[in-house]
Amino acid sequence: MDDEAPTPEPPPALSPSGASTFEQCPRRWRFRYVDRLPDPPGPDALAGTFAHRVLELLCGEAAADRTVERARVLARMVWPELAESDDFAALDLDADGVRAFKWRAWSAIEGLWDVENPATVEVHATELRVDTVVGGVPFRGVIDRVDVEPDGLVVTDYKSGRAPSARFAPARLTQVLLYAAALEAESGTRPVRARLLYLGQRSVDTTVTRDTLDEASEGLRRTWDDIRRSCEVDEFPARPGPLCGWCAYVDRCPEGSAAVAERQARREAEEAALLALAESA
């Protein structure tokens, strides 16, 4: 790494997003959490943030007031805050782009009613901050929502991306299981379920047990140990792959740049082959 780069040190606490970033690519983790380089959200991520904010406010309302009409009012209230932000300005959208962004964000908000009726949910807390120790690791994060159901507490997290197939669902659920472990550590009460609400699609749920919490906590511990070792030796290898094309730091990463160029060349070769096949038909 650059001799003038900051000396890497483990963070004071690990969040689910920080752990996930390191697991995907230690090099990107260093750029973001050690070098503190900007990592502005893209339009999909920013639209998801906007939807989260509106749904947070909606679920803070009385149950009978959690309607689509009220969500529209809240969205209009929140919009100026987002529209004036640096992250939104960085998208540099024209008028058509802004309309498409609003449509994407509203589709996520309205998609809540495809997976549940919020008027029937007993909300215990929204945007609940947790700062505790999970599996021996200092842990912090923000839980989108904690619900009360007849058999106990349920940790709920909104997702505006595509719902995973059954094969990949367990890995996606790790985040909410860590939140469940943190909630138990702070309150002494173990949630009975954890779920991801994929807005406009479906709910992905899991039962919270000692075994599922231990498995998630052990994974967090392994990642924490790997981060500490990487910081000690100042080695953060790149893990090039399909996501490099969406990485804010790809221009700083030779391996990532090479992966993007390789994929582009392969795509162009495939298109040329298809065109040649069509012309010869």
C-alpha atoms as a PDB file:
ATOM      1  CA  MET A   1       0.000   0.000   0.000  1.00  0.00           C
ATOM      2  CA  ASP A   2       1.003   3.671  -0.333  1.00  0.00           C
ATOM      3  CA  ASP A   3       3.615   4.697   2.299  1.00  0.00           C
ATOM      4  CA  GLU A   4       1.530   7.788   3.005  1.00  0.00           C
ATOM      5  CA  ALA A   5      -1.672   5.835   3.564  1.00  0.00           C
ATOM      6  CA  PRO A   6      -3.061   5.726   7.122  1.00  0.00           C
ATOM      7  CA  THR A   7      -1.843   2.958   9.397  1.00  0.00           C
ATOM      8  CA  PRO A   8      -4.637   0.387   9.429  1.00  0.00           C
ATOM      9  CA  GLU A   9      -6.348  -0.226  12.745  1.00  0.00           C
ATOM     10  CA  PRO A  10      -9.390  -2.361  13.515  1.00  0.00           C
ATOM     11  CA  PRO A  11     -12.555  -0.301  13.979  1.00  0.00           C
ATOM     12  CA  PRO A  12     -13.871   0.229  17.516  1.00  0.00           C
ATOM     13  CA  ALA A  13     -16.868  -1.921  16.590  1.00  0.00           C
ATOM     14  CA  LEU A  14     -18.016  -4.010  13.652  1.00  0.00           C
ATOM     15  CA  SER A  15     -21.307  -3.446  11.849  1.00  0.00           C
ATOM     16  CA  PRO A  16     -23.064  -5.924   9.546  1.00  0.00           C
ATOM     17  CA  SER A  17     -22.216  -3.739   6.528  1.00  0.00           C
ATOM     18  CA  GLY A  18     -18.560  -3.496   7.571  1.00  0.00           C
ATOM     19  CA  ALA A  19     -18.326  -7.260   8.034  1.00  0.00           C
ATOM     20  CA  SER A  20     -20.016  -7.892   4.698  1.00  0.00           C
ATOM     21  CA  THR A  21     -17.701  -5.467   2.887  1.00  0.00           C
ATOM     22  CA  PHE A  22     -14.598  -7.199   4.249  1.00  0.00           C
ATOM     23  CA  GLU A  23     -15.929 -10.637   3.369  1.00  0.00           C
ATOM     24  CA  GLN A  24     -16.623  -9.494  -0.191  1.00  0.00           C
ATOM     25  CA  CYS A  25     -13.312  -7.692  -0.688  1.00  0.00           C
ATOM     26  CA  PRO A  26     -10.700  -6.767   1.950  1.00  0.00           C
ATOM     27  CA  ARG A  27      -9.206  -4.195  -0.427  1.00  0.00           C
ATOM     28  CA  ARG A  28     -12.504  -2.339  -0.656  1.00  0.00           C
ATOM     29  CA  TRP A  29     -12.835  -2.508   3.137  1.00  0.00           C
ATOM     30  CA  ARG A  30      -9.490  -0.788   3.497  1.00  0.00           C
ATOM     31  CA  PHE A  31     -10.396   1.960   1.023  1.00  0.00           C
ATOM     32  CA  ARG A  32     -13.636   2.644   2.870  1.00  0.00           C
ATOM     33  CA  TYR A  33     -12.864   2.077   6.546  1.00  0.00           C
ATOM     34  CA  VAL A  34      -9.137   2.845   6.809  1.00  0.00           C
ATOM     35  CA  ASP A  35      -8.472   5.345   4.032  1.00  0.00           C
ATOM     36  CA  ARG A  36     -11.970   6.808   4.512  1.00  0.00           C
ATOM     37  CA  LEU A  37     -12.424   7.345   0.797  1.00  0.00           C
ATOM     38  CA  PRO A  38     -15.913   8.421  -0.324  1.00  0.00           C
ATOM     39  CA  ASP A  39     -18.264   5.609  -1.285  1.00  0.00           C
ATOM     40  CA  PRO A  40     -21.353   7.422  -2.562  1.00  0.00           C
ATOM     41  CA  PRO A  41     -24.464   5.297  -2.957  1.00  0.00           C
ATOM     42  CA  GLY A  42     -25.786   4.584  -6.420  1.00  0.00           C
ATOM     43  CA  PRO A  43     -29.382   5.327  -7.419  1.00  0.00           C
ATOM     44  CA  ASP A  44     -30.738   1.955  -6.271  1.00  0.00           C
ATOM     45  CA  ALA A  45     -29.109   2.209  -2.846  1.00  0.00           C
ATOM     46  CA  LEU A  46     -30.197   5.824  -2.386  1.00  0.00           C
ATOM     47  CA  ALA A  47     -33.770   5.013  -3.408  1.00  0.00           C
ATOM     48  CA  GLY A  48     -33.693   2.224  -0.833  1.00  0.00           C
ATOM     49  CA  THR A  49     -32.493   4.646   1.843  1.00  0.00           C
ATOM     50  CA  PHE A  50     -35.366   6.996   1.000  1.00  0.00           C
ATOM     51  CA  ALA A  51     -37.866   4.120   1.214  1.00  0.00           C
ATOM     52  CA  HIS A  52     -36.440   3.065   4.583  1.00  0.00           C
ATOM     53  CA  ARG A  53     -36.889   6.572   5.953  1.00  0.00           C
ATOM     54  CA  VAL A  54     -40.511   6.807   4.818  1.00  0.00           C
ATOM     55  CA  LEU A  55     -41.333   3.370   6.230  1.00  0.00           C
ATOM     56  CA  GLU A  56     -39.648   4.267   9.514  1.00  0.00           C
ATOM     57  CA  LEU A  57     -41.951   7.267   9.849  1.00  0.00           C
ATOM     58  CA  LEU A  58     -44.980   5.291   8.695  1.00  0.00           C
ATOM     59  CA  CYS A  59     -44.472   2.572  11.307  1.00  0.00           C
ATOM     60  CA  GLY A  60     -44.133   5.236  13.982  1.00  0.00           C
ATOM     61  CA  GLU A  61     -47.734   6.245  13.277  1.00  0.00           C
ATOM     62  CA  ALA A  62     -50.790   4.770  14.965  1.00  0.00           C
ATOM     63  CA  ALA A  63     -51.634   1.410  13.402  1.00  0.00           C
ATOM     64  CA  ALA A  64     -54.839   2.662  11.757  1.00  0.00           C
ATOM     65  CA  ASP A  65     -52.906   5.475  10.047  1.00  0.00           C
ATOM     66  CA  ARG A  66     -50.404   3.194   8.305  1.00  0.00           C
ATOM     67  CA  THR A  67     -51.995   3.516   4.892  1.00  0.00           C
ATOM     68  CA  VAL A  68     -50.716   4.000   1.363  1.00  0.00           C
ATOM     69  CA  GLU A  69     -52.197   7.490   1.398  1.00  0.00           C
ATOM     70  CA  ARG A  70     -50.275   8.384   4.563  1.00  0.00           C
ATOM     71  CA  ALA A  71     -47.099   6.957   3.033  1.00  0.00           C
ATOM     72  CA  ARG A  72     -47.535   9.336   0.080  1.00  0.00           C
ATOM     73  CA  VAL A  73     -47.797  12.290   2.461  1.00  0.00           C
ATOM     74  CA  LEU A  74     -44.678  11.181   4.313  1.00  0.00           C
ATOM     75  CA  ALA A  75     -42.782  10.663   1.059  1.00  0.00           C
ATOM     76  CA  ARG A  76     -43.569  14.243   0.026  1.00  0.00           C
ATOM     77  CA  MET A  77     -42.388  15.445   3.438  1.00  0.00           C
ATOM     78  CA  VAL A  78     -39.098  13.532   3.259  1.00  0.00           C
ATOM     79  CA  TRP A  79     -38.309  14.253  -0.392  1.00  0.00           C
ATOM     80  CA  PRO A  80     -36.758  17.742   0.064  1.00  0.00           C
ATOM     81  CA  GLU A  81     -34.295  16.344   2.603  1.00  0.00           C
ATOM     82  CA  LEU A  82     -33.066  13.795   0.069  1.00  0.00           C
ATOM     83  CA  ALA A  83     -33.230  16.074  -2.964  1.00  0.00           C
ATOM     84  CA  GLU A  84     -30.945  18.604  -1.253  1.00  0.00           C
ATOM     85  CA  SER A  85     -28.377  16.024  -0.131  1.00  0.00           C
ATOM     86  CA  ASP A  86     -24.881  15.733  -1.592  1.00  0.00           C
ATOM     87  CA  ASP A  87     -25.459  12.052  -2.391  1.00  0.00           C
ATOM     88  CA  PHE A  88     -28.462  12.871  -4.557  1.00  0.00           C
ATOM     89  CA  ALA A  89     -26.635  15.743  -6.266  1.00  0.00           C
ATOM     90  CA  ALA A  90     -23.774  13.337  -7.057  1.00  0.00           C
ATOM     91  CA  LEU A  91     -26.158  11.229  -9.151  1.00  0.00           C
ATOM     92  CA  ASP A  92     -26.409  14.174 -11.572  1.00  0.00           C
ATOM     93  CA  LEU A  93     -29.845  13.117 -12.825  1.00  0.00           C
ATOM     94  CA  ASP A  94     -31.736  14.957 -15.526  1.00  0.00           C
ATOM     95  CA  ALA A  95     -35.509  15.446 -15.308  1.00  0.00           C
ATOM     96  CA  ASP A  96     -36.235  11.982 -16.706  1.00  0.00           C
ATOM     97  CA  GLY A  97     -33.716  10.478 -14.317  1.00  0.00           C
ATOM     98  CA  VAL A  98     -35.352  12.158 -11.330  1.00  0.00           C
ATOM     99  CA  ARG A  99     -38.759  10.824 -12.386  1.00  0.00           C
ATOM    100  CA  ALA A 100     -37.320   7.321 -12.737  1.00  0.00           C
ATOM    101  CA  PHE A 101     -35.682   7.642  -9.317  1.00  0.00           C
ATOM    102  CA  LYS A 102     -38.952   8.717  -7.688  1.00  0.00           C
ATOM    103  CA  TRP A 103     -40.775   5.835  -9.358  1.00  0.00           C
ATOM    104  CA  ARG A 104     -38.167   3.350  -8.119  1.00  0.00           C
ATOM    105  CA  ALA A 105     -38.342   4.709  -4.572  1.00  0.00           C
ATOM    106  CA  TRP A 106     -42.135   4.784  -4.472  1.00  0.00           C
ATOM    107  CA  SER A 107     -42.343   1.234  -5.853  1.00  0.00           C
ATOM    108  CA  ALA A 108     -40.238   0.080  -2.907  1.00  0.00           C
ATOM    109  CA  ILE A 109     -42.415   1.958  -0.408  1.00  0.00           C
ATOM    110  CA  GLU A 110     -45.686   0.727  -1.882  1.00  0.00           C
ATOM    111  CA  GLY A 111     -44.189  -2.765  -2.045  1.00  0.00           C
ATOM    112  CA  LEU A 112     -44.547  -3.057   1.733  1.00  0.00           C
ATOM    113  CA  TRP A 113     -48.247  -3.810   1.247  1.00  0.00           C
ATOM    114  CA  ASP A 114     -47.323  -6.725  -1.017  1.00  0.00           C
ATOM    115  CA  VAL A 115     -45.632  -8.513   1.883  1.00  0.00           C
ATOM    116  CA  GLU A 116     -47.651  -7.368   4.902  1.00  0.00           C
ATOM    117  CA  ASN A 117     -50.403  -5.084   6.098  1.00  0.00           C
ATOM    118  CA  PRO A 118     -48.543  -2.617   8.341  1.00  0.00           C
ATOM    119  CA  ALA A 119     -51.794  -1.675  10.089  1.00  0.00           C
ATOM    120  CA  THR A 120     -51.846  -5.135  11.692  1.00  0.00           C
ATOM    121  CA  VAL A 121     -48.247  -5.016  12.958  1.00  0.00           C
ATOM    122  CA  GLU A 122     -47.541  -4.276  16.620  1.00  0.00           C
ATOM    123  CA  VAL A 123     -44.349  -2.234  16.373  1.00  0.00           C
ATOM    124  CA  HIS A 124     -42.073  -2.309  19.399  1.00  0.00           C
ATOM    125  CA  ALA A 125     -39.344  -0.022  17.979  1.00  0.00           C
ATOM    126  CA  THR A 126     -38.028   1.429  14.719  1.00  0.00           C
ATOM    127  CA  GLU A 127     -34.435   2.358  13.850  1.00  0.00           C
ATOM    128  CA  LEU A 128     -33.279   0.763  17.081  1.00  0.00           C
ATOM    129  CA  ARG A 129     -29.567   1.304  17.674  1.00  0.00           C
ATOM    130  CA  VAL A 130     -27.628  -1.548  19.255  1.00  0.00           C
ATOM    131  CA  ASP A 131     -24.099  -1.221  20.627  1.00  0.00           C
ATOM    132  CA  THR A 132     -22.948  -4.329  22.431  1.00  0.00           C
ATOM    133  CA  VAL A 133     -20.718  -7.411  22.217  1.00  0.00           C
ATOM    134  CA  VAL A 134     -21.738 -10.345  20.031  1.00  0.00           C
ATOM    135  CA  GLY A 135     -19.628 -13.483  20.073  1.00  0.00           C
ATOM    136  CA  GLY A 136     -16.786 -11.604  21.718  1.00  0.00           C
ATOM    137  CA  VAL A 137     -16.858  -8.930  18.993  1.00  0.00           C
ATOM    138  CA  PRO A 138     -17.754  -5.272  19.650  1.00  0.00           C
ATOM    139  CA  PHE A 139     -20.847  -4.839  17.513  1.00  0.00           C
ATOM    140  CA  ARG A 140     -23.067  -1.950  16.535  1.00  0.00           C
ATOM    141  CA  GLY A 141     -25.873  -1.430  14.091  1.00  0.00           C
ATOM    142  CA  VAL A 142     -29.380  -0.125  13.526  1.00  0.00           C
ATOM    143  CA  ILE A 143     -32.369  -2.476  13.428  1.00  0.00           C
ATOM    144  CA  ASP A 144     -35.051  -1.292  11.010  1.00  0.00           C
ATOM    145  CA  ARG A 145     -37.921  -2.591  13.113  1.00  0.00           C
ATOM    146  CA  VAL A 146     -38.673  -4.787  16.103  1.00  0.00           C
ATOM    147  CA  ASP A 147     -42.191  -6.230  16.156  1.00  0.00           C
ATOM    148  CA  VAL A 148     -44.218  -7.885  18.877  1.00  0.00           C
ATOM    149  CA  GLU A 149     -46.049 -11.065  17.937  1.00  0.00           C
ATOM    150  CA  PRO A 150     -47.990 -13.430  20.212  1.00  0.00           C
ATOM    151  CA  ASP A 151     -44.980 -15.673  20.788  1.00  0.00           C
ATOM    152  CA  GLY A 152     -42.326 -12.959  21.179  1.00  0.00           C
ATOM    153  CA  LEU A 153     -40.186 -10.329  19.461  1.00  0.00           C
ATOM    154  CA  VAL A 154     -39.390 -10.369  15.745  1.00  0.00           C
ATOM    155  CA  VAL A 155     -36.412  -8.581  14.183  1.00  0.00           C
ATOM    156  CA  THR A 156     -37.411  -7.116  10.804  1.00  0.00           C
ATOM    157  CA  ASP A 157     -35.220  -5.562   8.141  1.00  0.00           C
ATOM    158  CA  TYR A 158     -36.412  -3.956   4.904  1.00  0.00           C
ATOM    159  CA  LYS A 159     -34.732  -4.819   1.620  1.00  0.00           C
ATOM    160  CA  SER A 160     -35.351  -3.059  -1.684  1.00  0.00           C
ATOM    161  CA  GLY A 161     -33.156  -5.369  -3.772  1.00  0.00           C
ATOM    162  CA  ARG A 162     -34.029  -8.683  -5.360  1.00  0.00           C
ATOM    163  CA  ALA A 163     -35.093 -11.490  -3.026  1.00  0.00           C
ATOM    164  CA  PRO A 164     -32.618 -14.404  -2.954  1.00  0.00           C
ATOM    165  CA  SER A 165     -33.298 -17.923  -4.089  1.00  0.00           C
ATOM    166  CA  ALA A 166     -33.589 -20.596  -1.413  1.00  0.00           C
ATOM    167  CA  ARG A 167     -29.918 -21.463  -1.969  1.00  0.00           C
ATOM    168  CA  PHE A 168     -28.676 -18.003  -0.978  1.00  0.00           C
ATOM    169  CA  ALA A 169     -31.298 -17.084   1.646  1.00  0.00           C
ATOM    170  CA  PRO A 170     -29.339 -18.382   4.691  1.00  0.00           C
ATOM    171  CA  ALA A 171     -26.375 -16.093   3.960  1.00  0.00           C
ATOM    172  CA  ARG A 172     -28.683 -13.085   3.598  1.00  0.00           C
ATOM    173  CA  LEU A 173     -30.301 -13.855   6.949  1.00  0.00           C
ATOM    174  CA  THR A 174     -26.996 -13.568   8.823  1.00  0.00           C
ATOM    175  CA  GLN A 175     -27.492  -9.810   9.239  1.00  0.00           C
ATOM    176  CA  VAL A 176     -30.831 -10.096  11.041  1.00  0.00           C
ATOM    177  CA  LEU A 177     -29.573 -13.001  13.134  1.00  0.00           C
ATOM    178  CA  LEU A 178     -26.716 -10.781  14.315  1.00  0.00           C
ATOM    179  CA  TYR A 179     -29.256  -8.100  15.171  1.00  0.00           C
ATOM    180  CA  ALA A 180     -31.232 -10.714  17.109  1.00  0.00           C
ATOM    181  CA  ALA A 181     -28.079 -11.694  19.006  1.00  0.00           C
ATOM    182  CA  ALA A 182     -27.357  -8.026  19.761  1.00  0.00           C
ATOM    183  CA  LEU A 183     -30.917  -7.440  20.955  1.00  0.00           C
ATOM    184  CA  GLU A 184     -30.676 -10.438  23.266  1.00  0.00           C
ATOM    185  CA  ALA A 185     -27.311  -9.214  24.595  1.00  0.00           C
ATOM    186  CA  GLU A 186     -28.718  -5.759  25.342  1.00  0.00           C
ATOM    187  CA  SER A 187     -32.198  -6.603  26.592  1.00  0.00           C
ATOM    188  CA  GLY A 188     -31.872 -10.141  27.891  1.00  0.00           C
ATOM    189  CA  THR A 189     -34.781 -11.195  25.660  1.00  0.00           C
ATOM    190  CA  ARG A 190     -34.155 -13.464  22.695  1.00  0.00           C
ATOM    191  CA  PRO A 191     -36.308 -12.705  19.635  1.00  0.00           C
ATOM    192  CA  VAL A 192     -38.258 -15.656  18.304  1.00  0.00           C
ATOM    193  CA  ARG A 193     -37.825 -14.852  14.621  1.00  0.00           C
ATOM    194  CA  ALA A 194     -35.786 -12.723  12.266  1.00  0.00           C
ATOM    195  CA  ARG A 195     -36.936 -11.727   8.808  1.00  0.00           C
ATOM    196  CA  LEU A 196     -36.079  -9.788   5.712  1.00  0.00           C
ATOM    197  CA  LEU A 197     -38.972  -7.998   4.021  1.00  0.00           C
ATOM    198  CA  TYR A 198     -38.123  -7.807   0.317  1.00  0.00           C
ATOM    199  CA  LEU A 199     -40.392  -4.943  -0.640  1.00  0.00           C
ATOM    200  CA  GLY A 200     -42.774  -5.797  -3.452  1.00  0.00           C
ATOM    201  CA  GLN A 201     -41.735  -9.452  -3.361  1.00  0.00           C
ATOM    202  CA  ARG A 202     -41.801 -11.646  -0.274  1.00  0.00           C
ATOM    203  CA  SER A 203     -40.639 -12.177   3.283  1.00  0.00           C
ATOM    204  CA  VAL A 204     -37.627 -14.377   4.046  1.00  0.00           C
ATOM    205  CA  ASP A 205     -37.873 -15.638   7.630  1.00  0.00           C
ATOM    206  CA  THR A 206     -35.926 -17.796  10.028  1.00  0.00           C
ATOM    207  CA  THR A 207     -36.526 -19.055  13.536  1.00  0.00           C
ATOM    208  CA  VAL A 208     -34.090 -17.691  16.091  1.00  0.00           C
ATOM    209  CA  THR A 209     -32.453 -20.452  18.113  1.00  0.00           C
ATOM    210  CA  ARG A 210     -29.283 -20.754  20.168  1.00  0.00           C
ATOM    211  CA  ASP A 211     -27.713 -22.681  17.282  1.00  0.00           C
ATOM    212  CA  THR A 212     -28.558 -20.084  14.608  1.00  0.00           C
ATOM    213  CA  LEU A 213     -27.316 -17.267  16.822  1.00  0.00           C
ATOM    214  CA  ASP A 214     -24.086 -19.128  17.589  1.00  0.00           C
ATOM    215  CA  GLU A 215     -23.472 -19.817  13.903  1.00  0.00           C
ATOM    216  CA  ALA A 216     -23.954 -16.154  12.962  1.00  0.00           C
ATOM    217  CA  SER A 217     -21.815 -14.997  15.906  1.00  0.00           C
ATOM    218  CA  GLU A 218     -19.019 -17.400  15.029  1.00  0.00           C
ATOM    219  CA  GLY A 219     -18.975 -16.068  11.472  1.00  0.00           C
ATOM    220  CA  LEU A 220     -18.742 -12.524  12.826  1.00  0.00           C
ATOM    221  CA  ARG A 221     -15.860 -13.576  15.057  1.00  0.00           C
ATOM    222  CA  ARG A 222     -13.959 -15.108  12.132  1.00  0.00           C
ATOM    223  CA  THR A 223     -14.371 -11.925  10.119  1.00  0.00           C
ATOM    224  CA  TRP A 224     -13.250  -9.815  13.092  1.00  0.00           C
ATOM    225  CA  ASP A 225     -10.146 -11.970  13.516  1.00  0.00           C
ATOM    226  CA  ASP A 226      -9.384 -11.682   9.785  1.00  0.00           C
ATOM    227  CA  ILE A 227      -9.731  -7.883   9.947  1.00  0.00           C
ATOM    228  CA  ARG A 228      -7.363  -7.697  12.906  1.00  0.00           C
ATOM    229  CA  ARG A 229      -4.791  -9.888  11.163  1.00  0.00           C
ATOM    230  CA  SER A 230      -5.028  -7.826   7.957  1.00  0.00           C
ATOM    231  CA  CYS A 231      -4.499  -4.644   9.962  1.00  0.00           C
ATOM    232  CA  GLU A 232      -1.493  -6.116  11.775  1.00  0.00           C
ATOM    233  CA  VAL A 233       0.348  -6.961   8.536  1.00  0.00           C
ATOM    234  CA  ASP A 234      -1.261  -4.246   6.388  1.00  0.00           C
ATOM    235  CA  GLU A 235      -2.389  -6.715   3.745  1.00  0.00           C
ATOM    236  CA  PHE A 236      -5.807  -6.304   2.160  1.00  0.00           C
ATOM    237  CA  PRO A 237      -6.013  -8.484  -0.954  1.00  0.00           C
ATOM    238  CA  ALA A 238      -8.488  -7.716  -3.688  1.00  0.00           C
ATOM    239  CA  ARG A 239     -11.151 -10.269  -4.538  1.00  0.00           C
ATOM    240  CA  PRO A 240     -12.053  -9.375  -8.117  1.00  0.00           C
ATOM    241  CA  GLY A 241     -15.403 -10.494  -9.447  1.00  0.00           C
ATOM    242  CA  PRO A 242     -18.674  -9.363 -11.037  1.00  0.00           C
ATOM    243  CA  LEU A 243     -19.237  -6.643  -8.406  1.00  0.00           C
ATOM    244  CA  CYS A 244     -16.057  -4.776  -9.367  1.00  0.00           C
ATOM    245  CA  GLY A 245     -17.978  -2.860 -12.013  1.00  0.00           C
ATOM    246  CA  TRP A 246     -20.089  -1.251  -9.271  1.00  0.00           C
ATOM    247  CA  CYS A 247     -17.215  -0.524  -6.881  1.00  0.00           C
ATOM    248  CA  ALA A 248     -16.453   3.148  -6.258  1.00  0.00           C
ATOM    249  CA  TYR A 249     -12.761   2.291  -5.948  1.00  0.00           C
ATOM    250  CA  VAL A 250     -12.261   0.241  -9.106  1.00  0.00           C
ATOM    251  CA  ASP A 251      -9.974   2.872 -10.662  1.00  0.00           C
ATOM    252  CA  ARG A 252      -7.656   2.531  -7.660  1.00  0.00           C
ATOM    253  CA  CYS A 253      -7.524  -1.249  -7.861  1.00  0.00           C
ATOM    254  CA  PRO A 254      -5.494  -2.912 -10.663  1.00  0.00           C
ATOM    255  CA  GLU A 255      -7.117  -6.297 -10.059  1.00  0.00           C
ATOM    256  CA  GLY A 256     -10.604  -4.807 -10.137  1.00  0.00           C
ATOM    257  CA  SER A 257      -9.885  -2.779 -13.266  1.00  0.00           C
ATOM    258  CA  ALA A 258      -8.540  -5.891 -14.981  1.00  0.00           C
ATOM    259  CA  ALA A 259     -11.649  -7.869 -14.004  1.00  0.00           C
ATOM    260  CA  VAL A 260     -13.940  -5.169 -15.427  1.00  0.00           C
ATOM    261  CA  ALA A 261     -11.919  -5.001 -18.657  1.00  0.00           C
ATOM    262  CA  GLU A 262     -11.977  -8.779 -18.990  1.00  0.00           C
ATOM    263  CA  ARG A 263     -15.727  -8.942 -18.555  1.00  0.00           C
ATOM    264  CA  GLN A 264     -16.215  -6.133 -21.059  1.00  0.00           C
ATOM    265  CA  ALA A 265     -13.988  -7.867 -23.621  1.00  0.00           C
ATOM    266  CA  ARG A 266     -15.840 -11.147 -23.135  1.00  0.00           C
ATOM    267  CA  ARG A 267     -19.192  -9.403 -23.536  1.00  0.00           C
ATOM    268  CA  GLU A 268     -18.039  -7.684 -26.737  1.00  0.00           C
ATOM    269  CA  ALA A 269     -16.716 -10.974 -28.112  1.00  0.00           C
ATOM    270  CA  GLU A 270     -20.043 -12.671 -27.410  1.00  0.00           C
ATOM    271  CA  GLU A 271     -21.957  -9.849 -29.095  1.00  0.00           C
ATOM    272  CA  ALA A 272     -19.667 -10.009 -32.124  1.00  0.00           C
ATOM    273  CA  ALA A 273     -20.145 -13.764 -32.358  1.00  0.00           C
ATOM    274  CA  LEU A 274     -23.925 -13.395 -32.220  1.00  0.00           C
ATOM    275  CA  LEU A 275     -23.845 -10.689 -34.882  1.00  0.00           C
ATOM    276  CA  ALA A 276     -21.683 -12.853 -37.158  1.00  0.00           C
ATOM    277  CA  LEU A 277     -24.065 -15.775 -36.642  1.00  0.00           C
ATOM    278  CA  ALA A 278     -27.057 -13.613 -37.512  1.00  0.00           C
ATOM    279  CA  GLU A 279     -25.399 -12.270 -40.659  1.00  0.00           C
ATOM    280  CA  SER A 280     -24.506 -15.762 -41.852  1.00  0.00           C
ATOM    281  CA  ALA A 281     -28.013 -17.106 -41.375  1.00  0.00           C
END
